[in-house]
Amino acid sequence: EVMEMLKANGLSCLVDRSSYENDPLGRAEWVRFYGLIAGREDEAEKVFSDVKKKISLVTSRVKTPDGDRPKVAFFSVTPAGYANVRRPGDYVSRMIEMAGGINAFGELDAGNDNSVAMVKIGTEELYSMGASADVIIYNSAIQGSIGSIEDLTEKASVLKEFKAVKEARVYCTTSDIFQSPMAAADMLEDMYSVINEDKTGENGYIYKVPAE
């Protein structure tokens, strides 16, 4: 409706569909489009090329065979106790794989509506698919951040039984993690770090959550 109003008043408009990309590099590639419409194609091409190289450097460090990779549960919990997880196959799921992990919710039946990035599941499904995860990355973008593992388990008591909670391998994203498509390589590097226990999110997009 907003687009129709703009057009009716003689204004051109377009819709940025970068969030629909199923690959983090695909999101970053939109800079080439903006370079085209801004008449700065060479600059945009260089920026995209730099991101592409940085992503390649991260993925080249992944040597672990698929069957031995850490399982990662990426989710948030609503006040009603439901969990919001990323749709299997979207760019966040792809980043987990590129960083050397396995998406704990990769086998989730999320239907055919690819325009929806998040899928709501109940605590039973959260437990059955996520309890054995080696790493939890809590998505702070919607429900806010957590300051401790205790904060997390207060949202759903079933989380106390999760392997990652017992082993204190719980991390949280910053609230702007989805707002910076051009930071895809830095986000991926942070994800690689926490999944492979290499170091903790030096780029500042994912941080380790203390026990209390």
N, C-alpha and C. Protein backbone atom coordinates (compact mmCIF):
# COMPACT_ATOMS: atom_id res chain seq x y z
N GLU A 1 0.82 -1.21 0.00
CA GLU A 1 0.00 0.00 0.00
C GLU A 1 0.86 1.27 0.00
N VAL A 2 1.94 1.22 0.76
CA VAL A 2 2.84 2.38 0.80
C VAL A 2 3.47 2.60 -0.57
N MET A 3 3.87 1.51 -1.22
CA MET A 3 4.46 1.64 -2.55
C MET A 3 3.46 2.26 -3.53
N GLU A 4 2.22 1.84 -3.46
CA GLU A 4 1.20 2.38 -4.36
C GLU A 4 0.97 3.86 -4.11
N MET A 5 1.02 4.27 -2.85
CA MET A 5 0.86 5.69 -2.53
C MET A 5 2.02 6.51 -3.09
N LEU A 6 3.22 5.97 -2.95
CA LEU A 6 4.39 6.67 -3.48
C LEU A 6 4.31 6.81 -5.00
N LYS A 7 3.93 5.71 -5.65
CA LYS A 7 3.82 5.74 -7.11
C LYS A 7 2.73 6.71 -7.57
N ALA A 8 1.63 6.75 -6.82
CA ALA A 8 0.53 7.65 -7.17
C ALA A 8 0.95 9.11 -7.09
N ASN A 9 1.98 9.38 -6.28
CA ASN A 9 2.48 10.75 -6.14
C ASN A 9 3.73 10.99 -6.98
N GLY A 10 3.95 10.08 -7.94
CA GLY A 10 5.05 10.27 -8.88
C GLY A 10 6.43 9.95 -8.35
N LEU A 11 6.50 9.18 -7.27
CA LEU A 11 7.80 8.84 -6.68
C LEU A 11 8.19 7.41 -7.02
N SER A 12 9.42 7.23 -7.48
CA SER A 12 9.93 5.89 -7.77
C SER A 12 10.31 5.21 -6.46
N CYS A 13 10.19 3.92 -6.40
CA CYS A 13 10.57 3.19 -5.20
C CYS A 13 10.97 1.76 -5.55
N LEU A 14 11.71 1.16 -4.66
CA LEU A 14 12.09 -0.24 -4.82
C LEU A 14 12.09 -0.88 -3.44
N VAL A 15 12.05 -2.20 -3.41
CA VAL A 15 12.04 -2.94 -2.15
C VAL A 15 13.33 -3.74 -2.05
N ASP A 16 14.06 -3.53 -0.98
CA ASP A 16 15.29 -4.27 -0.73
C ASP A 16 14.92 -5.67 -0.23
N ARG A 17 15.26 -6.68 -1.01
CA ARG A 17 14.93 -8.06 -0.66
C ARG A 17 16.14 -8.83 -0.14
N SER A 18 17.14 -8.12 0.34
CA SER A 18 18.36 -8.80 0.78
C SER A 18 18.11 -9.80 1.91
N SER A 19 17.11 -9.53 2.74
CA SER A 19 16.82 -10.43 3.86
C SER A 19 16.25 -11.77 3.40
N TYR A 20 15.85 -11.85 2.12
CA TYR A 20 15.31 -13.10 1.58
C TYR A 20 16.42 -14.01 1.05
N GLU A 21 17.63 -13.51 0.98
CA GLU A 21 18.74 -14.32 0.47
C GLU A 21 19.00 -15.50 1.40
N ASN A 22 19.36 -16.63 0.85
CA ASN A 22 19.64 -17.80 1.68
C ASN A 22 21.14 -18.04 1.87
N ASP A 23 21.93 -17.02 1.55
CA ASP A 23 23.38 -17.12 1.71
C ASP A 23 23.88 -15.75 2.19
N PRO A 24 24.76 -15.71 3.21
CA PRO A 24 25.24 -14.42 3.69
C PRO A 24 25.95 -13.60 2.61
N LEU A 25 26.63 -14.29 1.69
CA LEU A 25 27.29 -13.58 0.61
C LEU A 25 26.27 -12.96 -0.33
N GLY A 26 25.12 -13.62 -0.46
CA GLY A 26 24.05 -13.08 -1.29
C GLY A 26 23.52 -11.77 -0.72
N ARG A 27 23.45 -11.68 0.61
CA ARG A 27 23.01 -10.43 1.24
C ARG A 27 24.02 -9.32 0.96
N ALA A 28 25.30 -9.66 1.11
CA ALA A 28 26.34 -8.65 0.90
C ALA A 28 26.40 -8.19 -0.56
N GLU A 29 26.03 -9.07 -1.47
CA GLU A 29 26.13 -8.74 -2.90
C GLU A 29 25.18 -7.62 -3.31
N TRP A 30 24.22 -7.32 -2.47
CA TRP A 30 23.31 -6.22 -2.79
C TRP A 30 24.04 -4.88 -2.89
N VAL A 31 25.25 -4.80 -2.34
CA VAL A 31 26.02 -3.56 -2.46
C VAL A 31 26.33 -3.27 -3.93
N ARG A 32 26.41 -4.32 -4.75
CA ARG A 32 26.67 -4.13 -6.17
C ARG A 32 25.47 -3.45 -6.84
N PHE A 33 24.28 -3.80 -6.38
CA PHE A 33 23.06 -3.17 -6.91
C PHE A 33 23.02 -1.69 -6.55
N TYR A 34 23.35 -1.39 -5.27
CA TYR A 34 23.34 0.01 -4.86
C TYR A 34 24.46 0.80 -5.53
N GLY A 35 25.57 0.13 -5.79
CA GLY A 35 26.64 0.78 -6.54
C GLY A 35 26.20 1.14 -7.95
N LEU A 36 25.38 0.26 -8.53
CA LEU A 36 24.87 0.49 -9.88
C LEU A 36 23.96 1.71 -9.93
N ILE A 37 23.00 1.77 -9.00
CA ILE A 37 22.03 2.87 -9.07
C ILE A 37 22.65 4.19 -8.57
N ALA A 38 23.77 4.09 -7.84
CA ALA A 38 24.42 5.31 -7.35
C ALA A 38 25.57 5.75 -8.26
N GLY A 39 25.83 4.98 -9.31
CA GLY A 39 26.93 5.33 -10.21
C GLY A 39 28.30 5.13 -9.59
N ARG A 40 28.41 4.17 -8.66
CA ARG A 40 29.69 3.91 -7.99
C ARG A 40 29.98 2.41 -8.04
N GLU A 41 29.89 1.87 -9.23
CA GLU A 41 30.03 0.42 -9.42
C GLU A 41 31.41 -0.10 -9.02
N ASP A 42 32.46 0.62 -9.36
CA ASP A 42 33.82 0.15 -9.05
C ASP A 42 34.04 0.06 -7.55
N GLU A 43 33.57 1.06 -6.82
CA GLU A 43 33.71 1.04 -5.37
C GLU A 43 32.92 -0.11 -4.75
N ALA A 44 31.71 -0.30 -5.24
CA ALA A 44 30.85 -1.38 -4.73
C ALA A 44 31.48 -2.74 -5.01
N GLU A 45 32.04 -2.88 -6.19
CA GLU A 45 32.67 -4.15 -6.58
C GLU A 45 33.84 -4.47 -5.66
N LYS A 46 34.62 -3.46 -5.30
CA LYS A 46 35.76 -3.68 -4.40
C LYS A 46 35.29 -4.08 -3.01
N VAL A 47 34.25 -3.39 -2.51
CA VAL A 47 33.72 -3.72 -1.19
C VAL A 47 33.21 -5.16 -1.16
N PHE A 48 32.46 -5.53 -2.20
CA PHE A 48 31.93 -6.90 -2.25
C PHE A 48 33.06 -7.92 -2.36
N SER A 49 34.07 -7.61 -3.16
CA SER A 49 35.21 -8.52 -3.32
C SER A 49 35.93 -8.73 -2.00
N ASP A 50 36.07 -7.67 -1.20
CA ASP A 50 36.73 -7.79 0.10
C ASP A 50 35.94 -8.69 1.04
N VAL A 51 34.61 -8.53 1.04
CA VAL A 51 33.77 -9.39 1.89
C VAL A 51 33.88 -10.85 1.44
N LYS A 52 33.86 -11.05 0.15
CA LYS A 52 33.94 -12.40 -0.41
C LYS A 52 35.25 -13.08 0.00
N LYS A 53 36.35 -12.34 -0.04
CA LYS A 53 37.66 -12.90 0.33
C LYS A 53 37.69 -13.25 1.81
N LYS A 54 37.14 -12.38 2.66
CA LYS A 54 37.14 -12.63 4.09
C LYS A 54 36.30 -13.85 4.44
N ILE A 55 35.17 -14.01 3.76
CA ILE A 55 34.34 -15.20 3.99
C ILE A 55 35.08 -16.46 3.57
N SER A 56 35.77 -16.38 2.45
CA SER A 56 36.54 -17.53 1.96
C SER A 56 37.63 -17.92 2.95
N LEU A 57 38.26 -16.93 3.58
CA LEU A 57 39.30 -17.21 4.57
C LEU A 57 38.74 -17.95 5.77
N VAL A 58 37.53 -17.59 6.18
CA VAL A 58 36.91 -18.27 7.33
C VAL A 58 36.53 -19.70 6.96
N THR A 59 35.85 -19.87 5.84
CA THR A 59 35.39 -21.21 5.46
C THR A 59 36.55 -22.16 5.17
N SER A 60 37.68 -21.61 4.75
CA SER A 60 38.84 -22.47 4.46
C SER A 60 39.43 -23.07 5.72
N ARG A 61 39.09 -22.51 6.88
CA ARG A 61 39.60 -23.03 8.15
C ARG A 61 38.78 -24.21 8.67
N VAL A 62 37.63 -24.44 8.07
CA VAL A 62 36.76 -25.54 8.52
C VAL A 62 37.27 -26.85 7.93
N LYS A 63 37.77 -27.70 8.79
CA LYS A 63 38.33 -28.98 8.35
C LYS A 63 37.58 -30.19 8.92
N THR A 64 36.72 -29.96 9.90
CA THR A 64 36.04 -31.06 10.59
C THR A 64 35.03 -31.75 9.67
N PRO A 65 35.07 -33.07 9.57
CA PRO A 65 34.08 -33.80 8.76
C PRO A 65 32.66 -33.51 9.24
N ASP A 66 31.70 -33.56 8.33
CA ASP A 66 30.32 -33.22 8.66
C ASP A 66 29.79 -33.95 9.88
N GLY A 67 30.07 -35.24 9.99
CA GLY A 67 29.52 -36.03 11.08
C GLY A 67 30.08 -35.69 12.45
N ASP A 68 31.20 -34.98 12.50
CA ASP A 68 31.85 -34.66 13.77
C ASP A 68 31.71 -33.20 14.15
N ARG A 69 30.94 -32.45 13.42
CA ARG A 69 30.83 -31.02 13.67
C ARG A 69 29.91 -30.74 14.87
N PRO A 70 30.19 -29.67 15.61
CA PRO A 70 29.33 -29.30 16.76
C PRO A 70 27.91 -28.95 16.30
N LYS A 71 26.95 -29.32 17.10
CA LYS A 71 25.56 -28.97 16.82
C LYS A 71 25.25 -27.63 17.47
N VAL A 72 24.61 -26.75 16.72
CA VAL A 72 24.36 -25.39 17.18
C VAL A 72 22.86 -25.11 17.23
N ALA A 73 22.38 -24.64 18.38
CA ALA A 73 20.97 -24.25 18.53
C ALA A 73 20.90 -22.73 18.55
N PHE A 74 20.34 -22.14 17.51
CA PHE A 74 20.21 -20.69 17.38
C PHE A 74 18.73 -20.36 17.53
N PHE A 75 18.36 -19.64 18.59
CA PHE A 75 16.94 -19.39 18.86
C PHE A 75 16.78 -18.25 19.86
N SER A 76 15.54 -17.85 20.06
CA SER A 76 15.16 -16.95 21.15
C SER A 76 13.88 -17.50 21.76
N VAL A 77 13.52 -17.02 22.94
CA VAL A 77 12.33 -17.51 23.64
C VAL A 77 11.37 -16.35 23.87
N THR A 78 10.10 -16.55 23.53
CA THR A 78 9.09 -15.51 23.70
C THR A 78 8.59 -15.50 25.15
N PRO A 79 7.94 -14.41 25.56
CA PRO A 79 7.38 -14.37 26.92
C PRO A 79 6.37 -15.49 27.18
N ALA A 80 5.75 -15.99 26.12
CA ALA A 80 4.78 -17.07 26.28
C ALA A 80 5.44 -18.44 26.36
N GLY A 81 6.76 -18.48 26.22
CA GLY A 81 7.47 -19.74 26.37
C GLY A 81 7.75 -20.48 25.07
N TYR A 82 7.35 -19.91 23.95
CA TYR A 82 7.67 -20.53 22.66
C TYR A 82 9.08 -20.14 22.24
N ALA A 83 9.65 -20.92 21.34
CA ALA A 83 10.97 -20.59 20.81
C ALA A 83 10.85 -20.15 19.36
N ASN A 84 11.55 -19.10 19.01
CA ASN A 84 11.65 -18.65 17.63
C ASN A 84 12.97 -19.15 17.07
N VAL A 85 12.91 -19.96 16.04
CA VAL A 85 14.13 -20.48 15.41
C VAL A 85 14.17 -20.01 13.95
N ARG A 86 15.35 -20.00 13.39
CA ARG A 86 15.48 -19.60 12.00
C ARG A 86 15.00 -20.72 11.08
N ARG A 87 14.39 -20.32 9.98
CA ARG A 87 13.93 -21.30 8.99
C ARG A 87 15.13 -22.07 8.43
N PRO A 88 15.05 -23.41 8.40
CA PRO A 88 16.14 -24.19 7.81
C PRO A 88 16.41 -23.74 6.37
N GLY A 89 17.68 -23.56 6.06
CA GLY A 89 18.04 -23.16 4.71
C GLY A 89 18.19 -21.66 4.52
N ASP A 90 17.85 -20.85 5.56
CA ASP A 90 18.02 -19.41 5.40
C ASP A 90 19.49 -19.06 5.62
N TYR A 91 19.83 -17.77 5.51
CA TYR A 91 21.25 -17.41 5.53
C TYR A 91 21.90 -17.62 6.90
N VAL A 92 21.13 -17.57 8.00
CA VAL A 92 21.71 -17.84 9.32
C VAL A 92 22.05 -19.33 9.43
N SER A 93 21.13 -20.17 8.98
CA SER A 93 21.40 -21.61 8.96
C SER A 93 22.62 -21.91 8.10
N ARG A 94 22.71 -21.21 6.99
CA ARG A 94 23.85 -21.38 6.09
C ARG A 94 25.14 -20.93 6.76
N MET A 95 25.10 -19.85 7.53
CA MET A 95 26.29 -19.38 8.23
C MET A 95 26.78 -20.39 9.26
N ILE A 96 25.85 -21.05 9.94
CA ILE A 96 26.22 -22.08 10.91
C ILE A 96 27.00 -23.18 10.21
N GLU A 97 26.52 -23.60 9.05
CA GLU A 97 27.20 -24.65 8.28
C GLU A 97 28.56 -24.17 7.78
N MET A 98 28.61 -22.94 7.25
CA MET A 98 29.85 -22.39 6.73
C MET A 98 30.90 -22.23 7.82
N ALA A 99 30.44 -22.02 9.06
CA ALA A 99 31.35 -21.83 10.19
C ALA A 99 31.78 -23.15 10.82
N GLY A 100 31.31 -24.25 10.28
CA GLY A 100 31.73 -25.55 10.78
C GLY A 100 30.79 -26.22 11.75
N GLY A 101 29.54 -25.74 11.81
CA GLY A 101 28.57 -26.34 12.72
C GLY A 101 27.45 -27.05 11.99
N ILE A 102 26.56 -27.63 12.77
CA ILE A 102 25.35 -28.27 12.25
C ILE A 102 24.16 -27.59 12.91
N ASN A 103 23.21 -27.15 12.13
CA ASN A 103 22.03 -26.50 12.67
C ASN A 103 21.16 -27.51 13.40
N ALA A 104 20.94 -27.30 14.69
CA ALA A 104 20.14 -28.24 15.49
C ALA A 104 18.72 -28.35 14.96
N PHE A 105 18.24 -27.30 14.29
CA PHE A 105 16.86 -27.28 13.79
C PHE A 105 16.82 -27.46 12.27
N GLY A 106 17.87 -28.04 11.73
CA GLY A 106 17.98 -28.21 10.29
C GLY A 106 16.94 -29.13 9.68
N GLU A 107 16.37 -30.03 10.49
CA GLU A 107 15.38 -30.98 9.98
C GLU A 107 13.95 -30.53 10.28
N LEU A 108 13.80 -29.32 10.77
CA LEU A 108 12.48 -28.80 11.12
C LEU A 108 11.62 -28.64 9.86
N ASP A 109 10.38 -29.09 9.94
CA ASP A 109 9.43 -28.91 8.85
C ASP A 109 8.80 -27.53 9.01
N ALA A 110 9.27 -26.58 8.20
CA ALA A 110 8.83 -25.19 8.35
C ALA A 110 7.83 -24.76 7.29
N GLY A 111 7.32 -25.70 6.50
CA GLY A 111 6.35 -25.33 5.48
C GLY A 111 7.01 -24.72 4.25
N ASN A 112 6.22 -24.13 3.41
CA ASN A 112 6.72 -23.64 2.12
C ASN A 112 6.78 -22.13 1.99
N ASP A 113 6.46 -21.40 3.06
CA ASP A 113 6.47 -19.94 2.97
C ASP A 113 7.87 -19.41 3.25
N ASN A 114 8.66 -19.24 2.20
CA ASN A 114 10.04 -18.80 2.35
C ASN A 114 10.17 -17.33 2.71
N SER A 115 9.05 -16.60 2.69
CA SER A 115 9.12 -15.18 3.05
C SER A 115 9.19 -14.99 4.55
N VAL A 116 8.96 -16.05 5.31
CA VAL A 116 9.00 -15.98 6.77
C VAL A 116 10.35 -16.50 7.26
N ALA A 117 11.12 -15.65 7.93
CA ALA A 117 12.47 -16.04 8.36
C ALA A 117 12.45 -16.85 9.65
N MET A 118 11.46 -16.59 10.52
CA MET A 118 11.41 -17.23 11.82
C MET A 118 10.26 -18.23 11.89
N VAL A 119 10.49 -19.30 12.63
CA VAL A 119 9.47 -20.33 12.85
C VAL A 119 9.29 -20.50 14.35
N LYS A 120 8.04 -20.48 14.81
CA LYS A 120 7.75 -20.64 16.24
C LYS A 120 7.49 -22.10 16.56
N ILE A 121 8.19 -22.61 17.58
CA ILE A 121 8.00 -23.99 18.00
C ILE A 121 7.77 -24.04 19.51
N GLY A 122 7.17 -25.14 19.96
CA GLY A 122 6.89 -25.31 21.39
C GLY A 122 8.10 -25.87 22.12
N THR A 123 8.00 -25.93 23.46
CA THR A 123 9.13 -26.38 24.27
C THR A 123 9.47 -27.85 24.03
N GLU A 124 8.47 -28.66 23.70
CA GLU A 124 8.76 -30.08 23.44
C GLU A 124 9.64 -30.23 22.21
N GLU A 125 9.31 -29.49 21.17
CA GLU A 125 10.10 -29.56 19.94
C GLU A 125 11.46 -28.91 20.16
N LEU A 126 11.49 -27.84 20.93
CA LEU A 126 12.76 -27.19 21.25
C LEU A 126 13.68 -28.18 21.96
N TYR A 127 13.12 -28.92 22.91
CA TYR A 127 13.93 -29.88 23.67
C TYR A 127 14.38 -31.04 22.78
N SER A 128 13.45 -31.60 22.02
CA SER A 128 13.79 -32.79 21.23
C SER A 128 14.87 -32.50 20.19
N MET A 129 14.88 -31.28 19.66
CA MET A 129 15.85 -30.96 18.61
C MET A 129 17.08 -30.24 19.14
N GLY A 130 16.94 -29.51 20.26
CA GLY A 130 18.04 -28.68 20.71
C GLY A 130 18.77 -29.13 21.96
N ALA A 131 18.22 -30.08 22.71
CA ALA A 131 18.83 -30.46 23.99
C ALA A 131 20.24 -31.01 23.84
N SER A 132 20.52 -31.66 22.74
CA SER A 132 21.85 -32.26 22.54
C SER A 132 22.83 -31.31 21.87
N ALA A 133 22.42 -30.07 21.63
CA ALA A 133 23.30 -29.11 20.95
C ALA A 133 24.54 -28.83 21.79
N ASP A 134 25.67 -28.74 21.13
CA ASP A 134 26.93 -28.44 21.81
C ASP A 134 27.05 -26.95 22.14
N VAL A 135 26.38 -26.13 21.34
CA VAL A 135 26.47 -24.67 21.49
C VAL A 135 25.08 -24.06 21.37
N ILE A 136 24.78 -23.10 22.23
CA ILE A 136 23.57 -22.29 22.10
C ILE A 136 24.00 -20.88 21.73
N ILE A 137 23.38 -20.34 20.68
CA ILE A 137 23.55 -18.93 20.34
C ILE A 137 22.18 -18.30 20.45
N TYR A 138 22.00 -17.45 21.46
CA TYR A 138 20.70 -16.84 21.70
C TYR A 138 20.55 -15.61 20.81
N ASN A 139 19.44 -15.55 20.09
CA ASN A 139 19.17 -14.47 19.16
C ASN A 139 18.49 -13.31 19.91
N SER A 140 19.24 -12.22 20.09
CA SER A 140 18.71 -11.10 20.88
C SER A 140 17.92 -10.10 20.05
N ALA A 141 17.83 -10.32 18.74
CA ALA A 141 17.26 -9.31 17.85
C ALA A 141 15.78 -9.01 18.13
N ILE A 142 15.03 -9.99 18.62
CA ILE A 142 13.59 -9.80 18.82
C ILE A 142 13.22 -9.68 20.30
N GLN A 143 13.66 -10.64 21.09
CA GLN A 143 13.24 -10.69 22.49
C GLN A 143 14.22 -10.00 23.44
N GLY A 144 15.30 -9.45 22.93
CA GLY A 144 16.28 -8.81 23.79
C GLY A 144 17.39 -9.76 24.21
N SER A 145 18.43 -9.21 24.78
CA SER A 145 19.59 -10.01 25.13
C SER A 145 19.43 -10.70 26.48
N ILE A 146 20.36 -11.59 26.79
CA ILE A 146 20.41 -12.24 28.09
C ILE A 146 21.77 -11.92 28.72
N GLY A 147 21.76 -11.69 30.02
CA GLY A 147 23.00 -11.33 30.70
C GLY A 147 23.69 -12.49 31.38
N SER A 148 22.98 -13.61 31.48
CA SER A 148 23.56 -14.78 32.14
C SER A 148 22.83 -16.04 31.68
N ILE A 149 23.43 -17.18 31.96
CA ILE A 149 22.78 -18.45 31.65
C ILE A 149 21.51 -18.59 32.48
N GLU A 150 21.55 -18.05 33.68
CA GLU A 150 20.36 -18.08 34.54
C GLU A 150 19.21 -17.31 33.89
N ASP A 151 19.52 -16.19 33.26
CA ASP A 151 18.49 -15.43 32.54
C ASP A 151 17.84 -16.30 31.48
N LEU A 152 18.67 -17.09 30.81
CA LEU A 152 18.16 -17.96 29.74
C LEU A 152 17.23 -19.03 30.30
N THR A 153 17.66 -19.73 31.33
CA THR A 153 16.86 -20.83 31.87
C THR A 153 15.58 -20.35 32.53
N GLU A 154 15.56 -19.09 32.97
CA GLU A 154 14.33 -18.54 33.53
C GLU A 154 13.26 -18.36 32.47
N LYS A 155 13.66 -18.25 31.22
CA LYS A 155 12.70 -18.10 30.12
C LYS A 155 11.98 -19.41 29.83
N ALA A 156 12.66 -20.52 30.07
CA ALA A 156 12.07 -21.86 29.88
C ALA A 156 12.89 -22.85 30.70
N SER A 157 12.27 -23.43 31.72
CA SER A 157 13.02 -24.30 32.64
C SER A 157 13.61 -25.51 31.95
N VAL A 158 13.02 -25.92 30.83
CA VAL A 158 13.52 -27.09 30.11
C VAL A 158 14.95 -26.87 29.62
N LEU A 159 15.35 -25.63 29.48
CA LEU A 159 16.69 -25.32 29.00
C LEU A 159 17.78 -25.75 29.98
N LYS A 160 17.43 -25.95 31.24
CA LYS A 160 18.40 -26.41 32.23
C LYS A 160 18.96 -27.78 31.87
N GLU A 161 18.20 -28.55 31.08
CA GLU A 161 18.62 -29.89 30.71
C GLU A 161 19.46 -29.92 29.43
N PHE A 162 19.67 -28.78 28.83
CA PHE A 162 20.42 -28.73 27.56
C PHE A 162 21.91 -28.94 27.82
N LYS A 163 22.52 -29.70 26.94
CA LYS A 163 23.95 -30.00 27.05
C LYS A 163 24.77 -28.72 27.07
N ALA A 164 24.46 -27.78 26.19
CA ALA A 164 25.23 -26.54 26.10
C ALA A 164 25.13 -25.72 27.37
N VAL A 165 23.99 -25.77 28.03
CA VAL A 165 23.80 -25.06 29.30
C VAL A 165 24.66 -25.70 30.39
N LYS A 166 24.62 -27.01 30.47
CA LYS A 166 25.40 -27.72 31.48
C LYS A 166 26.89 -27.51 31.30
N GLU A 167 27.32 -27.36 30.04
CA GLU A 167 28.74 -27.18 29.76
C GLU A 167 29.12 -25.71 29.62
N ALA A 168 28.15 -24.81 29.88
CA ALA A 168 28.38 -23.36 29.83
C ALA A 168 28.90 -22.90 28.47
N ARG A 169 28.35 -23.46 27.40
CA ARG A 169 28.70 -23.01 26.05
C ARG A 169 27.49 -22.26 25.48
N VAL A 170 27.16 -21.17 26.14
CA VAL A 170 26.02 -20.34 25.78
C VAL A 170 26.52 -18.96 25.36
N TYR A 171 26.03 -18.51 24.20
CA TYR A 171 26.44 -17.22 23.65
C TYR A 171 25.19 -16.43 23.28
N CYS A 172 25.37 -15.14 23.05
CA CYS A 172 24.26 -14.28 22.68
C CYS A 172 24.71 -13.32 21.59
N THR A 173 23.81 -13.03 20.66
CA THR A 173 24.14 -12.08 19.60
C THR A 173 23.87 -10.65 20.08
N THR A 174 24.46 -9.70 19.41
CA THR A 174 24.10 -8.31 19.64
C THR A 174 22.81 -8.04 18.90
N SER A 175 22.09 -7.01 19.29
CA SER A 175 20.76 -6.76 18.73
C SER A 175 20.79 -6.32 17.27
N ASP A 176 21.95 -5.86 16.80
CA ASP A 176 22.03 -5.36 15.42
C ASP A 176 22.61 -6.37 14.45
N ILE A 177 22.66 -7.63 14.83
CA ILE A 177 23.35 -8.63 14.01
C ILE A 177 22.73 -8.79 12.63
N PHE A 178 21.43 -8.51 12.49
CA PHE A 178 20.79 -8.68 11.19
C PHE A 178 20.69 -7.37 10.40
N GLN A 179 21.20 -6.29 10.97
CA GLN A 179 21.06 -4.99 10.33
C GLN A 179 22.27 -4.60 9.49
N SER A 180 23.27 -5.45 9.44
CA SER A 180 24.52 -5.09 8.75
C SER A 180 24.91 -6.17 7.73
N PRO A 181 24.25 -6.20 6.58
CA PRO A 181 24.57 -7.22 5.57
C PRO A 181 26.04 -7.22 5.16
N MET A 182 26.67 -6.03 5.15
CA MET A 182 28.05 -5.94 4.72
C MET A 182 29.03 -6.48 5.78
N ALA A 183 28.53 -6.77 6.97
CA ALA A 183 29.38 -7.33 8.02
C ALA A 183 29.30 -8.85 8.05
N ALA A 184 28.83 -9.44 6.96
CA ALA A 184 28.64 -10.89 6.90
C ALA A 184 29.90 -11.66 7.26
N ALA A 185 31.05 -11.19 6.76
CA ALA A 185 32.30 -11.91 7.02
C ALA A 185 32.68 -11.84 8.49
N ASP A 186 32.48 -10.67 9.12
CA ASP A 186 32.80 -10.52 10.55
C ASP A 186 31.87 -11.37 11.40
N MET A 187 30.59 -11.41 11.04
CA MET A 187 29.64 -12.25 11.77
C MET A 187 30.02 -13.72 11.64
N LEU A 188 30.40 -14.10 10.43
CA LEU A 188 30.78 -15.50 10.19
C LEU A 188 32.03 -15.86 10.98
N GLU A 189 32.96 -14.93 11.06
CA GLU A 189 34.17 -15.18 11.82
C GLU A 189 33.86 -15.35 13.31
N ASP A 190 32.95 -14.52 13.83
CA ASP A 190 32.53 -14.67 15.22
C ASP A 190 31.85 -16.02 15.44
N MET A 191 31.02 -16.42 14.49
CA MET A 191 30.32 -17.68 14.61
C MET A 191 31.31 -18.85 14.58
N TYR A 192 32.28 -18.76 13.70
CA TYR A 192 33.33 -19.79 13.65
C TYR A 192 34.04 -19.90 15.00
N SER A 193 34.34 -18.74 15.58
CA SER A 193 35.07 -18.71 16.84
C SER A 193 34.33 -19.43 17.96
N VAL A 194 33.05 -19.14 18.12
CA VAL A 194 32.30 -19.73 19.23
C VAL A 194 31.97 -21.20 18.97
N ILE A 195 31.75 -21.57 17.71
CA ILE A 195 31.42 -22.95 17.39
C ILE A 195 32.63 -23.85 17.60
N ASN A 196 33.79 -23.35 17.21
CA ASN A 196 35.01 -24.16 17.27
C ASN A 196 35.88 -23.85 18.48
N GLU A 197 35.36 -23.04 19.40
CA GLU A 197 36.09 -22.67 20.62
C GLU A 197 37.47 -22.13 20.32
N ASP A 198 37.56 -21.40 19.22
CA ASP A 198 38.82 -20.81 18.79
C ASP A 198 39.12 -19.56 19.61
N LYS A 199 38.11 -18.72 19.76
CA LYS A 199 38.17 -17.50 20.56
C LYS A 199 36.73 -17.00 20.64
N THR A 200 36.48 -15.93 21.31
CA THR A 200 35.11 -15.44 21.46
C THR A 200 34.91 -14.14 20.72
N GLY A 201 34.04 -14.17 19.70
CA GLY A 201 33.55 -13.02 18.98
C GLY A 201 34.30 -11.72 19.07
N GLU A 202 35.53 -11.67 18.57
CA GLU A 202 36.31 -10.45 18.66
C GLU A 202 35.73 -9.30 17.84
N ASN A 203 34.88 -9.62 16.89
CA ASN A 203 34.27 -8.57 16.07
C ASN A 203 33.05 -7.95 16.75
N GLY A 204 32.62 -8.55 17.84
CA GLY A 204 31.58 -7.92 18.65
C GLY A 204 30.15 -8.25 18.30
N TYR A 205 29.91 -9.27 17.47
CA TYR A 205 28.53 -9.62 17.12
C TYR A 205 27.98 -10.77 17.96
N ILE A 206 28.86 -11.54 18.59
CA ILE A 206 28.44 -12.65 19.45
C ILE A 206 29.33 -12.64 20.70
N TYR A 207 28.72 -12.74 21.88
CA TYR A 207 29.51 -12.73 23.10
C TYR A 207 29.12 -13.91 24.00
N LYS A 208 30.07 -14.32 24.81
CA LYS A 208 29.84 -15.45 25.72
C LYS A 208 29.00 -14.98 26.89
N VAL A 209 28.03 -15.81 27.29
CA VAL A 209 27.13 -15.48 28.40
C VAL A 209 27.66 -16.10 29.69
N PRO A 210 27.86 -15.30 30.75
CA PRO A 210 28.33 -15.86 32.02
C PRO A 210 27.27 -16.71 32.69
N ALA A 211 27.70 -17.54 33.64
CA ALA A 211 26.76 -18.45 34.31
C ALA A 211 25.73 -17.68 35.12
N GLU A 212 26.13 -16.62 35.80
CA GLU A 212 25.21 -15.87 36.66
C GLU A 212 25.33 -14.37 36.38
